[in-house]
Amino acid sequence: MDEEIKIQGNIDINQALKEFETKSSQEQMRQTITAAPISNVPKIVQLVMKYSGGAIKEERQAEYVLLGFVVVAIIVSLFLVFKEGRKSRNILPPIMDTIPANI
């Protein structure tokens, strides 16, 4: 009991405790990692908004741009598939021309 009274009365110890508390609180503040704000906006929409050069400012506009891109990509791919299909039919020779006539 007497030791507790002596420790509390010592000015050097109290000053050291205060310094330790301030240093430890500063270290805890530095170690605290602040999390990035969680956004419900998908990454691809964020990229469209970022790389549009300021033309697209809202999430809904970016979604429409992506939808338009998908529609154009499907149309182009269908066009290429059917265009190649016509070319490949013309290249193949007719079956009757390959069979010799004197058999």
PDB file of N, CA and C in Angstrom:
ATOM      1  N   MET A   1       0.819  -1.181   0.000  1.00  0.00           N
ATOM      2  CA  MET A   1       0.000   0.000   0.000  1.00  0.00           C
ATOM      3  C   MET A   1       0.866   1.249   0.000  1.00  0.00           C
ATOM      4  N   ASP A   2       1.934   1.228   0.761  1.00  0.00           N
ATOM      5  CA  ASP A   2       2.826   2.381   0.807  1.00  0.00           C
ATOM      6  C   ASP A   2       3.543   2.585  -0.521  1.00  0.00           C
ATOM      7  N   GLU A   3       3.824   1.478  -1.227  1.00  0.00           N
ATOM      8  CA  GLU A   3       4.519   1.587  -2.510  1.00  0.00           C
ATOM      9  C   GLU A   3       3.637   2.283  -3.552  1.00  0.00           C
ATOM     10  N   GLU A   4       2.328   2.004  -3.538  1.00  0.00           N
ATOM     11  CA  GLU A   4       1.415   2.629  -4.483  1.00  0.00           C
ATOM     12  C   GLU A   4       1.364   4.132  -4.267  1.00  0.00           C
ATOM     13  N   ILE A   5       1.398   4.553  -3.042  1.00  0.00           N
ATOM     14  CA  ILE A   5       1.367   5.975  -2.736  1.00  0.00           C
ATOM     15  C   ILE A   5       2.650   6.644  -3.215  1.00  0.00           C
ATOM     16  N   LYS A   6       3.784   5.966  -3.038  1.00  0.00           N
ATOM     17  CA  LYS A   6       5.058   6.536  -3.468  1.00  0.00           C
ATOM     18  C   LYS A   6       5.105   6.646  -4.998  1.00  0.00           C
ATOM     19  N   ILE A   7       4.575   5.645  -5.712  1.00  0.00           N
ATOM     20  CA  ILE A   7       4.601   5.665  -7.166  1.00  0.00           C
ATOM     21  C   ILE A   7       3.703   6.781  -7.696  1.00  0.00           C
ATOM     22  N   GLN A   8       2.545   6.938  -7.123  1.00  0.00           N
ATOM     23  CA  GLN A   8       1.629   7.963  -7.595  1.00  0.00           C
ATOM     24  C   GLN A   8       2.158   9.359  -7.301  1.00  0.00           C
ATOM     25  N   GLY A   9       2.926   9.496  -6.285  1.00  0.00           N
ATOM     26  CA  GLY A   9       3.457  10.802  -5.923  1.00  0.00           C
ATOM     27  C   GLY A   9       4.697  11.185  -6.709  1.00  0.00           C
ATOM     28  N   ASN A  10       5.317  10.240  -7.379  1.00  0.00           N
ATOM     29  CA  ASN A  10       6.542  10.521  -8.104  1.00  0.00           C
ATOM     30  C   ASN A  10       6.214  11.230  -9.422  1.00  0.00           C
ATOM     31  N   ILE A  11       6.756  12.409  -9.608  1.00  0.00           N
ATOM     32  CA  ILE A  11       6.473  13.233 -10.778  1.00  0.00           C
ATOM     33  C   ILE A  11       7.111  12.630 -12.036  1.00  0.00           C
ATOM     34  N   ASP A  12       8.311  12.072 -11.921  1.00  0.00           N
ATOM     35  CA  ASP A  12       9.005  11.500 -13.071  1.00  0.00           C
ATOM     36  C   ASP A  12       8.226  10.331 -13.661  1.00  0.00           C
ATOM     37  N   ILE A  13       7.691   9.498 -12.808  1.00  0.00           N
ATOM     38  CA  ILE A  13       6.943   8.335 -13.280  1.00  0.00           C
ATOM     39  C   ILE A  13       5.651   8.789 -13.964  1.00  0.00           C
ATOM     40  N   ASN A  14       4.960   9.741 -13.389  1.00  0.00           N
ATOM     41  CA  ASN A  14       3.732  10.252 -14.002  1.00  0.00           C
ATOM     42  C   ASN A  14       4.013  10.875 -15.375  1.00  0.00           C
ATOM     43  N   GLN A  15       5.093  11.601 -15.469  1.00  0.00           N
ATOM     44  CA  GLN A  15       5.449  12.205 -16.745  1.00  0.00           C
ATOM     45  C   GLN A  15       5.798  11.130 -17.778  1.00  0.00           C
ATOM     46  N   ALA A  16       6.511  10.116 -17.365  1.00  0.00           N
ATOM     47  CA  ALA A  16       6.862   9.024 -18.280  1.00  0.00           C
ATOM     48  C   ALA A  16       5.607   8.276 -18.726  1.00  0.00           C
ATOM     49  N   LEU A  17       4.667   8.070 -17.835  1.00  0.00           N
ATOM     50  CA  LEU A  17       3.416   7.407 -18.196  1.00  0.00           C
ATOM     51  C   LEU A  17       2.629   8.230 -19.214  1.00  0.00           C
ATOM     52  N   LYS A  18       2.580   9.537 -19.020  1.00  0.00           N
ATOM     53  CA  LYS A  18       1.869  10.399 -19.968  1.00  0.00           C
ATOM     54  C   LYS A  18       2.530  10.349 -21.350  1.00  0.00           C
ATOM     55  N   GLU A  19       3.868  10.384 -21.390  1.00  0.00           N
ATOM     56  CA  GLU A  19       4.579  10.305 -22.659  1.00  0.00           C
ATOM     57  C   GLU A  19       4.312   8.971 -23.352  1.00  0.00           C
ATOM     58  N   PHE A  20       4.321   7.914 -22.547  1.00  0.00           N
ATOM     59  CA  PHE A  20       4.053   6.586 -23.118  1.00  0.00           C
ATOM     60  C   PHE A  20       2.639   6.520 -23.690  1.00  0.00           C
ATOM     61  N   GLU A  21       1.671   7.076 -22.987  1.00  0.00           N
ATOM     62  CA  GLU A  21       0.287   7.056 -23.470  1.00  0.00           C
ATOM     63  C   GLU A  21       0.149   7.830 -24.785  1.00  0.00           C
ATOM     64  N   THR A  22       0.791   8.984 -24.881  1.00  0.00           N
ATOM     65  CA  THR A  22       0.690   9.769 -26.117  1.00  0.00           C
ATOM     66  C   THR A  22       1.387   9.054 -27.278  1.00  0.00           C
ATOM     67  N   LYS A  23       2.550   8.459 -27.022  1.00  0.00           N
ATOM     68  CA  LYS A  23       3.258   7.740 -28.086  1.00  0.00           C
ATOM     69  C   LYS A  23       2.474   6.510 -28.539  1.00  0.00           C
ATOM     70  N   SER A  24       1.925   5.805 -27.585  1.00  0.00           N
ATOM     71  CA  SER A  24       1.182   4.593 -27.958  1.00  0.00           C
ATOM     72  C   SER A  24      -0.101   4.939 -28.704  1.00  0.00           C
ATOM     73  N   SER A  25      -0.756   6.017 -28.329  1.00  0.00           N
ATOM     74  CA  SER A  25      -1.973   6.400 -29.049  1.00  0.00           C
ATOM     75  C   SER A  25      -1.642   6.858 -30.470  1.00  0.00           C
ATOM     76  N   GLN A  26      -0.499   7.533 -30.657  1.00  0.00           N
ATOM     77  CA  GLN A  26      -0.077   7.937 -31.997  1.00  0.00           C
ATOM     78  C   GLN A  26       0.252   6.715 -32.852  1.00  0.00           C
ATOM     79  N   GLU A  27       0.920   5.717 -32.273  1.00  0.00           N
ATOM     80  CA  GLU A  27       1.255   4.503 -33.013  1.00  0.00           C
ATOM     81  C   GLU A  27      -0.012   3.737 -33.396  1.00  0.00           C
ATOM     82  N   GLN A  28      -0.969   3.711 -32.512  1.00  0.00           N
ATOM     83  CA  GLN A  28      -2.217   3.020 -32.823  1.00  0.00           C
ATOM     84  C   GLN A  28      -2.951   3.728 -33.953  1.00  0.00           C
ATOM     85  N   MET A  29      -2.891   5.048 -33.984  1.00  0.00           N
ATOM     86  CA  MET A  29      -3.540   5.789 -35.059  1.00  0.00           C
ATOM     87  C   MET A  29      -2.848   5.506 -36.393  1.00  0.00           C
ATOM     88  N   ARG A  30      -1.525   5.387 -36.395  1.00  0.00           N
ATOM     89  CA  ARG A  30      -0.790   5.089 -37.619  1.00  0.00           C
ATOM     90  C   ARG A  30      -1.060   3.664 -38.095  1.00  0.00           C
ATOM     91  N   GLN A  31      -1.227   2.734 -37.173  1.00  0.00           N
ATOM     92  CA  GLN A  31      -1.425   1.341 -37.532  1.00  0.00           C
ATOM     93  C   GLN A  31      -2.848   1.057 -38.000  1.00  0.00           C
ATOM     94  N   THR A  32      -3.763   1.916 -37.672  1.00  0.00           N
ATOM     95  CA  THR A  32      -5.147   1.708 -38.072  1.00  0.00           C
ATOM     96  C   THR A  32      -5.262   1.876 -39.581  1.00  0.00           C
ATOM     97  N   ILE A  33      -5.780   0.860 -40.228  1.00  0.00           N
ATOM     98  CA  ILE A  33      -5.944   0.891 -41.674  1.00  0.00           C
ATOM     99  C   ILE A  33      -7.357   1.358 -41.975  1.00  0.00           C
ATOM    100  N   THR A  34      -7.428   2.369 -42.794  1.00  0.00           N
ATOM    101  CA  THR A  34      -8.752   2.850 -43.169  1.00  0.00           C
ATOM    102  C   THR A  34      -9.198   2.094 -44.409  1.00  0.00           C
ATOM    103  N   ALA A  35     -10.343   1.505 -44.333  1.00  0.00           N
ATOM    104  CA  ALA A  35     -10.878   0.734 -45.447  1.00  0.00           C
ATOM    105  C   ALA A  35     -11.455   1.681 -46.492  1.00  0.00           C
ATOM    106  N   ALA A  36     -11.306   1.284 -47.726  1.00  0.00           N
ATOM    107  CA  ALA A  36     -11.881   2.074 -48.808  1.00  0.00           C
ATOM    108  C   ALA A  36     -13.402   1.974 -48.725  1.00  0.00           C
ATOM    109  N   PRO A  37     -14.077   3.038 -49.089  1.00  0.00           N
ATOM    110  CA  PRO A  37     -15.536   2.967 -49.029  1.00  0.00           C
ATOM    111  C   PRO A  37     -16.059   1.882 -49.981  1.00  0.00           C
ATOM    112  N   ILE A  38     -16.941   1.068 -49.464  1.00  0.00           N
ATOM    113  CA  ILE A  38     -17.490  -0.040 -50.237  1.00  0.00           C
ATOM    114  C   ILE A  38     -18.534   0.514 -51.200  1.00  0.00           C
ATOM    115  N   SER A  39     -18.345   0.191 -52.463  1.00  0.00           N
ATOM    116  CA  SER A  39     -19.244   0.681 -53.488  1.00  0.00           C
ATOM    117  C   SER A  39     -19.983  -0.493 -54.113  1.00  0.00           C
ATOM    118  N   ASN A  40     -21.243  -0.298 -54.404  1.00  0.00           N
ATOM    119  CA  ASN A  40     -22.031  -1.338 -55.040  1.00  0.00           C
ATOM    120  C   ASN A  40     -21.928  -1.277 -56.555  1.00  0.00           C
ATOM    121  N   VAL A  41     -21.160  -0.331 -57.066  1.00  0.00           N
ATOM    122  CA  VAL A  41     -20.999  -0.168 -58.507  1.00  0.00           C
ATOM    123  C   VAL A  41     -19.975  -1.204 -58.986  1.00  0.00           C
ATOM    124  N   PRO A  42     -20.316  -1.988 -60.007  1.00  0.00           N
ATOM    125  CA  PRO A  42     -19.362  -2.986 -60.521  1.00  0.00           C
ATOM    126  C   PRO A  42     -18.106  -2.322 -61.092  1.00  0.00           C
ATOM    127  N   LYS A  43     -17.012  -3.070 -61.093  1.00  0.00           N
ATOM    128  CA  LYS A  43     -15.727  -2.542 -61.542  1.00  0.00           C
ATOM    129  C   LYS A  43     -15.765  -2.125 -63.013  1.00  0.00           C
ATOM    130  N   ILE A  44     -16.413  -2.912 -63.848  1.00  0.00           N
ATOM    131  CA  ILE A  44     -16.445  -2.593 -65.272  1.00  0.00           C
ATOM    132  C   ILE A  44     -17.176  -1.278 -65.517  1.00  0.00           C
ATOM    133  N   VAL A  45     -18.212  -1.023 -64.732  1.00  0.00           N
ATOM    134  CA  VAL A  45     -18.946   0.245 -64.855  1.00  0.00           C
ATOM    135  C   VAL A  45     -18.062   1.394 -64.384  1.00  0.00           C
ATOM    136  N   GLN A  46     -17.311   1.170 -63.318  1.00  0.00           N
ATOM    137  CA  GLN A  46     -16.393   2.200 -62.840  1.00  0.00           C
ATOM    138  C   GLN A  46     -15.330   2.510 -63.887  1.00  0.00           C
ATOM    139  N   LEU A  47     -14.826   1.470 -64.575  1.00  0.00           N
ATOM    140  CA  LEU A  47     -13.814   1.683 -65.610  1.00  0.00           C
ATOM    141  C   LEU A  47     -14.381   2.470 -66.787  1.00  0.00           C
ATOM    142  N   VAL A  48     -15.612   2.162 -67.181  1.00  0.00           N
ATOM    143  CA  VAL A  48     -16.238   2.898 -68.281  1.00  0.00           C
ATOM    144  C   VAL A  48     -16.394   4.363 -67.903  1.00  0.00           C
ATOM    145  N   MET A  49     -16.816   4.617 -66.686  1.00  0.00           N
ATOM    146  CA  MET A  49     -16.979   5.999 -66.240  1.00  0.00           C
ATOM    147  C   MET A  49     -15.629   6.717 -66.170  1.00  0.00           C
ATOM    148  N   LYS A  50     -14.596   5.996 -65.744  1.00  0.00           N
ATOM    149  CA  LYS A  50     -13.274   6.594 -65.588  1.00  0.00           C
ATOM    150  C   LYS A  50     -12.651   6.935 -66.937  1.00  0.00           C
ATOM    151  N   TYR A  51     -12.733   6.001 -67.893  1.00  0.00           N
ATOM    152  CA  TYR A  51     -12.058   6.186 -69.176  1.00  0.00           C
ATOM    153  C   TYR A  51     -12.923   6.841 -70.249  1.00  0.00           C
ATOM    154  N   SER A  52     -14.081   7.321 -69.870  1.00  0.00           N
ATOM    155  CA  SER A  52     -14.935   7.986 -70.859  1.00  0.00           C
ATOM    156  C   SER A  52     -14.507   9.433 -71.093  1.00  0.00           C
ATOM    157  N   GLY A  53     -13.613   9.923 -70.315  1.00  0.00           N
ATOM    158  CA  GLY A  53     -13.161  11.305 -70.469  1.00  0.00           C
ATOM    159  C   GLY A  53     -14.155  12.311 -69.932  1.00  0.00           C
ATOM    160  N   GLY A  54     -15.005  11.892 -69.021  1.00  0.00           N
ATOM    161  CA  GLY A  54     -15.977  12.793 -68.426  1.00  0.00           C
ATOM    162  C   GLY A  54     -17.311  12.813 -69.146  1.00  0.00           C
ATOM    163  N   ALA A  55     -17.423  12.071 -70.247  1.00  0.00           N
ATOM    164  CA  ALA A  55     -18.684  12.054 -70.990  1.00  0.00           C
ATOM    165  C   ALA A  55     -19.757  11.263 -70.244  1.00  0.00           C
ATOM    166  N   ILE A  56     -19.345  10.228 -69.534  1.00  0.00           N
ATOM    167  CA  ILE A  56     -20.289   9.393 -68.791  1.00  0.00           C
ATOM    168  C   ILE A  56     -20.101   9.697 -67.316  1.00  0.00           C
ATOM    169  N   LYS A  57     -21.149  10.230 -66.702  1.00  0.00           N
ATOM    170  CA  LYS A  57     -21.035  10.662 -65.309  1.00  0.00           C
ATOM    171  C   LYS A  57     -21.895   9.846 -64.363  1.00  0.00           C
ATOM    172  N   GLU A  58     -22.824   9.099 -64.891  1.00  0.00           N
ATOM    173  CA  GLU A  58     -23.727   8.335 -64.034  1.00  0.00           C
ATOM    174  C   GLU A  58     -23.593   6.848 -64.316  1.00  0.00           C
ATOM    175  N   GLU A  59     -23.922   6.072 -63.322  1.00  0.00           N
ATOM    176  CA  GLU A  59     -23.846   4.616 -63.423  1.00  0.00           C
ATOM    177  C   GLU A  59     -24.781   4.086 -64.512  1.00  0.00           C
ATOM    178  N   ARG A  60     -25.958   4.643 -64.605  1.00  0.00           N
ATOM    179  CA  ARG A  60     -26.951   4.183 -65.584  1.00  0.00           C
ATOM    180  C   ARG A  60     -26.439   4.392 -67.014  1.00  0.00           C
ATOM    181  N   GLN A  61     -25.784   5.516 -67.275  1.00  0.00           N
ATOM    182  CA  GLN A  61     -25.238   5.784 -68.603  1.00  0.00           C
ATOM    183  C   GLN A  61     -24.153   4.758 -68.957  1.00  0.00           C
ATOM    184  N   ALA A  62     -23.309   4.441 -67.999  1.00  0.00           N
ATOM    185  CA  ALA A  62     -22.244   3.461 -68.240  1.00  0.00           C
ATOM    186  C   ALA A  62     -22.834   2.082 -68.527  1.00  0.00           C
ATOM    187  N   GLU A  63     -23.916   1.736 -67.845  1.00  0.00           N
ATOM    188  CA  GLU A  63     -24.561   0.450 -68.104  1.00  0.00           C
ATOM    189  C   GLU A  63     -25.142   0.408 -69.513  1.00  0.00           C
ATOM    190  N   TYR A  64     -25.724   1.506 -69.983  1.00  0.00           N
ATOM    191  CA  TYR A  64     -26.254   1.558 -71.344  1.00  0.00           C
ATOM    192  C   TYR A  64     -25.138   1.442 -72.380  1.00  0.00           C
ATOM    193  N   VAL A  65     -24.003   2.073 -72.112  1.00  0.00           N
ATOM    194  CA  VAL A  65     -22.864   1.975 -73.020  1.00  0.00           C
ATOM    195  C   VAL A  65     -22.389   0.528 -73.110  1.00  0.00           C
ATOM    196  N   LEU A  66     -22.292  -0.145 -71.980  1.00  0.00           N
ATOM    197  CA  LEU A  66     -21.871  -1.546 -71.981  1.00  0.00           C
ATOM    198  C   LEU A  66     -22.887  -2.431 -72.701  1.00  0.00           C
ATOM    199  N   LEU A  67     -24.163  -2.167 -72.504  1.00  0.00           N
ATOM    200  CA  LEU A  67     -25.196  -2.938 -73.189  1.00  0.00           C
ATOM    201  C   LEU A  67     -25.094  -2.732 -74.700  1.00  0.00           C
ATOM    202  N   GLY A  68     -24.886  -1.504 -75.130  1.00  0.00           N
ATOM    203  CA  GLY A  68     -24.713  -1.223 -76.549  1.00  0.00           C
ATOM    204  C   GLY A  68     -23.491  -1.922 -77.113  1.00  0.00           C
ATOM    205  N   PHE A  69     -22.410  -1.951 -76.352  1.00  0.00           N
ATOM    206  CA  PHE A  69     -21.201  -2.639 -76.792  1.00  0.00           C
ATOM    207  C   PHE A  69     -21.460  -4.130 -76.979  1.00  0.00           C
ATOM    208  N   VAL A  70     -22.189  -4.726 -76.065  1.00  0.00           N
ATOM    209  CA  VAL A  70     -22.505  -6.156 -76.160  1.00  0.00           C
ATOM    210  C   VAL A  70     -23.367  -6.435 -77.382  1.00  0.00           C
ATOM    211  N   VAL A  71     -24.353  -5.602 -77.627  1.00  0.00           N
ATOM    212  CA  VAL A  71     -25.229  -5.793 -78.786  1.00  0.00           C
ATOM    213  C   VAL A  71     -24.427  -5.675 -80.085  1.00  0.00           C
ATOM    214  N   VAL A  72     -23.565  -4.678 -80.180  1.00  0.00           N
ATOM    215  CA  VAL A  72     -22.736  -4.506 -81.381  1.00  0.00           C
ATOM    216  C   VAL A  72     -21.790  -5.699 -81.550  1.00  0.00           C
ATOM    217  N   ALA A  73     -21.212  -6.180 -80.464  1.00  0.00           N
ATOM    218  CA  ALA A  73     -20.300  -7.322 -80.544  1.00  0.00           C
ATOM    219  C   ALA A  73     -21.033  -8.578 -81.028  1.00  0.00           C
ATOM    220  N   ILE A  74     -22.254  -8.786 -80.567  1.00  0.00           N
ATOM    221  CA  ILE A  74     -23.037  -9.947 -81.012  1.00  0.00           C
ATOM    222  C   ILE A  74     -23.379  -9.815 -82.495  1.00  0.00           C
ATOM    223  N   ILE A  75     -23.784  -8.640 -82.923  1.00  0.00           N
ATOM    224  CA  ILE A  75     -24.138  -8.434 -84.343  1.00  0.00           C
ATOM    225  C   ILE A  75     -22.917  -8.665 -85.234  1.00  0.00           C
ATOM    226  N   VAL A  76     -21.765  -8.125 -84.846  1.00  0.00           N
ATOM    227  CA  VAL A  76     -20.550  -8.308 -85.639  1.00  0.00           C
ATOM    228  C   VAL A  76     -20.161  -9.784 -85.687  1.00  0.00           C
ATOM    229  N   SER A  77     -20.232 -10.479 -84.564  1.00  0.00           N
ATOM    230  CA  SER A  77     -19.850 -11.891 -84.562  1.00  0.00           C
ATOM    231  C   SER A  77     -20.816 -12.730 -85.403  1.00  0.00           C
ATOM    232  N   LEU A  78     -22.101 -12.447 -85.341  1.00  0.00           N
ATOM    233  CA  LEU A  78     -23.057 -13.177 -86.181  1.00  0.00           C
ATOM    234  C   LEU A  78     -22.811 -12.894 -87.657  1.00  0.00           C
ATOM    235  N   PHE A  79     -22.517 -11.665 -87.985  1.00  0.00           N
ATOM    236  CA  PHE A  79     -22.216 -11.306 -89.369  1.00  0.00           C
ATOM    237  C   PHE A  79     -20.997 -12.069 -89.881  1.00  0.00           C
ATOM    238  N   LEU A  80     -19.945 -12.131 -89.070  1.00  0.00           N
ATOM    239  CA  LEU A  80     -18.739 -12.834 -89.483  1.00  0.00           C
ATOM    240  C   LEU A  80     -18.971 -14.334 -89.614  1.00  0.00           C
ATOM    241  N   VAL A  81     -19.746 -14.917 -88.723  1.00  0.00           N
ATOM    242  CA  VAL A  81     -20.024 -16.356 -88.775  1.00  0.00           C
ATOM    243  C   VAL A  81     -20.805 -16.690 -90.035  1.00  0.00           C
ATOM    244  N   PHE A  82     -21.860 -15.947 -90.336  1.00  0.00           N
ATOM    245  CA  PHE A  82     -22.683 -16.272 -91.500  1.00  0.00           C
ATOM    246  C   PHE A  82     -21.986 -15.905 -92.806  1.00  0.00           C
ATOM    247  N   LYS A  83     -21.151 -14.889 -92.800  1.00  0.00           N
ATOM    248  CA  LYS A  83     -20.400 -14.527 -93.995  1.00  0.00           C
ATOM    249  C   LYS A  83     -19.394 -15.629 -94.324  1.00  0.00           C
ATOM    250  N   GLU A  84     -18.723 -16.156 -93.316  1.00  0.00           N
ATOM    251  CA  GLU A  84     -17.773 -17.250 -93.511  1.00  0.00           C
ATOM    252  C   GLU A  84     -18.491 -18.523 -93.945  1.00  0.00           C
ATOM    253  N   GLY A  85     -19.714 -18.726 -93.493  1.00  0.00           N
ATOM    254  CA  GLY A  85     -20.487 -19.913 -93.858  1.00  0.00           C
ATOM    255  C   GLY A  85     -20.778 -19.947 -95.349  1.00  0.00           C
ATOM    256  N   ARG A  86     -21.102 -18.809 -95.941  1.00  0.00           N
ATOM    257  CA  ARG A  86     -21.374 -18.734 -97.380  1.00  0.00           C
ATOM    258  C   ARG A  86     -20.114 -18.984 -98.193  1.00  0.00           C
ATOM    259  N   LYS A  87     -18.999 -18.454 -97.770  1.00  0.00           N
ATOM    260  CA  LYS A  87     -17.742 -18.647 -98.483  1.00  0.00           C
ATOM    261  C   LYS A  87     -17.326 -20.112 -98.468  1.00  0.00           C
ATOM    262  N   SER A  88     -17.474 -20.769 -97.347  1.00  0.00           N
ATOM    263  CA  SER A  88     -17.030 -22.158 -97.250  1.00  0.00           C
ATOM    264  C   SER A  88     -17.883 -23.074 -98.120  1.00  0.00           C
ATOM    265  N   ARG A  89     -19.154 -22.787 -98.341  1.00  0.00           N
ATOM    266  CA  ARG A  89     -20.004 -23.605 -99.200  1.00  0.00           C
ATOM    267  C   ARG A  89     -19.590 -23.469-100.663  1.00  0.00           C
ATOM    268  N   ASN A  90     -19.162 -22.320-101.091  1.00  0.00           N
ATOM    269  CA  ASN A  90     -18.755 -22.089-102.470  1.00  0.00           C
ATOM    270  C   ASN A  90     -17.405 -22.726-102.788  1.00  0.00           C
ATOM    271  N   ILE A  91     -16.569 -22.904-101.813  1.00  0.00           N
ATOM    272  CA  ILE A  91     -15.237 -23.456-102.028  1.00  0.00           C
ATOM    273  C   ILE A  91     -15.307 -24.962-102.272  1.00  0.00           C
ATOM    274  N   LEU A  92     -16.186 -25.674-101.621  1.00  0.00           N
ATOM    275  CA  LEU A  92     -16.259 -27.133-101.755  1.00  0.00           C
ATOM    276  C   LEU A  92     -16.762 -27.515-103.140  1.00  0.00           C
ATOM    277  N   PRO A  93     -16.109 -28.474-103.769  1.00  0.00           N
ATOM    278  CA  PRO A  93     -16.574 -28.900-105.087  1.00  0.00           C
ATOM    279  C   PRO A  93     -17.809 -29.788-104.951  1.00  0.00           C
ATOM    280  N   PRO A  94     -18.634 -29.834-105.983  1.00  0.00           N
ATOM    281  CA  PRO A  94     -19.792 -30.730-105.938  1.00  0.00           C
ATOM    282  C   PRO A  94     -19.333 -32.183-105.917  1.00  0.00           C
ATOM    283  N   ILE A  95     -20.099 -33.044-105.290  1.00  0.00           N
ATOM    284  CA  ILE A  95     -19.732 -34.442-105.140  1.00  0.00           C
ATOM    285  C   ILE A  95     -19.721 -35.149-106.506  1.00  0.00           C
ATOM    286  N   MET A  96     -20.643 -34.864-107.409  1.00  0.00           N
ATOM    287  CA  MET A  96     -20.723 -35.543-108.689  1.00  0.00           C
ATOM    288  C   MET A  96     -19.511 -35.281-109.580  1.00  0.00           C
ATOM    289  N   ASP A  97     -18.878 -34.121-109.424  1.00  0.00           N
ATOM    290  CA  ASP A  97     -17.719 -33.825-110.250  1.00  0.00           C
ATOM    291  C   ASP A  97     -16.492 -34.633-109.844  1.00  0.00           C
ATOM    292  N   THR A  98     -16.444 -35.133-108.619  1.00  0.00           N
ATOM    293  CA  THR A  98     -15.283 -35.892-108.168  1.00  0.00           C
ATOM    294  C   THR A  98     -15.349 -37.355-108.552  1.00  0.00           C
ATOM    295  N   ILE A  99     -16.516 -37.886-108.877  1.00  0.00           N
ATOM    296  CA  ILE A  99     -16.666 -39.307-109.225  1.00  0.00           C
ATOM    297  C   ILE A  99     -16.340 -39.462-110.723  1.00  0.00           C
ATOM    298  N   PRO A 100     -15.448 -40.387-111.083  1.00  0.00           N
ATOM    299  CA  PRO A 100     -15.157 -40.597-112.510  1.00  0.00           C
ATOM    300  C   PRO A 100     -16.370 -41.136-113.244  1.00  0.00           C
ATOM    301  N   ALA A 101     -16.576 -40.712-114.481  1.00  0.00           N
ATOM    302  CA  ALA A 101     -17.767 -41.077-115.261  1.00  0.00           C
ATOM    303  C   ALA A 101     -17.695 -42.462-115.852  1.00  0.00           C
ATOM    304  N   ASN A 102     -16.519 -43.052-116.079  1.00  0.00           N
ATOM    305  CA  ASN A 102     -16.384 -44.338-116.743  1.00  0.00           C
ATOM    306  C   ASN A 102     -16.485 -45.538-115.812  1.00  0.00           C
ATOM    307  N   ILE A 103     -16.881 -45.395-114.626  1.00  0.00           N
ATOM    308  CA  ILE A 103     -16.999 -46.536-113.712  1.00  0.00           C
ATOM    309  C   ILE A 103     -18.281 -47.258-113.930  1.00  0.00           C
TER     310      ILE A 103
END
